[in-house]
Amino acid sequence: MKRSKIWIWAAIPMLGACATSNPGWTGDGAVPFDTAHAACETATTGIESEELRYQQMTECMAGKGWSRG
């Protein structure tokens, strides 16, 4: 029983690191990725130009603490 408690406490910092990382994006102390990404997807949905949408998505995510990594 004691061994499993130690393992759980050791795993917590690793799980926290997963919450603030996503392939292609980095964000320490940022809005949770899924929340930020969903909001920015909604905000850029009507932009037809792929280049402009990419730019606006990057700016929106930056405003939520994320940058392309």
Protein backbone atom coordinates (compact mmCIF):
# COMPACT_ATOMS: atom_id res chain seq x y z
CA MET A 1 0.00 0.00 0.00
CA LYS A 2 2.78 2.43 0.92
CA ARG A 3 4.54 1.79 -2.40
CA SER A 4 1.43 2.73 -4.44
CA LYS A 5 1.05 6.01 -2.52
CA ILE A 6 4.64 6.93 -3.31
CA TRP A 7 4.10 6.15 -7.01
CA ILE A 8 1.00 8.36 -7.13
CA TRP A 9 2.83 11.32 -5.56
CA ALA A 10 5.74 10.83 -7.95
CA ALA A 11 3.40 10.82 -10.97
CA ILE A 12 1.57 14.06 -10.14
CA PRO A 13 4.30 16.43 -11.43
CA MET A 14 4.49 14.46 -14.69
CA LEU A 15 0.74 14.75 -15.20
CA GLY A 16 0.91 18.49 -14.57
CA ALA A 17 3.50 18.83 -17.31
CA CYS A 18 1.12 17.17 -19.77
CA ALA A 19 -1.55 19.74 -19.05
CA THR A 20 0.54 22.58 -20.45
CA SER A 21 2.02 21.02 -23.54
CA ASN A 22 0.79 20.05 -26.97
CA PRO A 23 2.77 19.14 -30.08
CA GLY A 24 3.58 22.36 -31.88
CA TRP A 25 2.58 24.63 -28.99
CA THR A 26 4.24 25.63 -25.72
CA GLY A 27 2.70 27.48 -22.82
CA ASP A 28 3.89 27.63 -19.23
CA GLY A 29 1.14 28.94 -16.99
CA ALA A 30 -1.14 29.41 -19.98
CA VAL A 31 -4.89 28.93 -20.26
CA PRO A 32 -5.44 25.14 -20.56
CA PHE A 33 -4.69 24.13 -24.15
CA ASP A 34 -8.09 22.63 -24.98
CA THR A 35 -9.90 25.71 -23.68
CA ALA A 36 -7.62 28.15 -25.53
CA HIS A 37 -7.67 26.15 -28.76
CA ALA A 38 -11.46 25.82 -28.79
CA ALA A 39 -11.93 29.56 -28.20
CA CYS A 40 -9.45 30.46 -30.93
CA GLU A 41 -10.96 27.96 -33.38
CA THR A 42 -14.34 29.61 -32.81
CA ALA A 43 -12.85 33.08 -33.23
CA THR A 44 -11.17 32.22 -36.54
CA THR A 45 -13.87 30.02 -38.11
CA GLY A 46 -15.12 32.64 -40.57
CA ILE A 47 -11.67 33.51 -41.99
CA GLU A 48 -11.40 32.02 -45.47
CA SER A 49 -7.75 32.82 -46.18
CA GLU A 50 -5.63 29.99 -44.79
CA GLU A 51 -2.67 32.33 -44.30
CA LEU A 52 -4.74 34.93 -42.45
CA ARG A 53 -6.48 32.26 -40.38
CA TYR A 54 -3.09 30.80 -39.37
CA GLN A 55 -1.88 34.27 -38.37
CA GLN A 56 -5.04 35.07 -36.40
CA MET A 57 -4.98 31.66 -34.69
CA THR A 58 -1.36 32.22 -33.65
CA GLU A 59 -2.20 35.69 -32.27
CA CYS A 60 -5.29 34.40 -30.45
CA MET A 61 -3.34 31.55 -28.84
CA ALA A 62 -0.54 33.98 -27.88
CA GLY A 63 -3.13 36.07 -26.08
CA LYS A 64 -3.93 32.99 -24.01
CA GLY A 65 -0.29 32.26 -23.19
CA TRP A 66 0.59 29.82 -26.01
CA SER A 67 3.26 30.11 -28.69
CA ARG A 68 4.14 27.92 -31.63
CA GLY A 69 7.09 25.78 -30.62
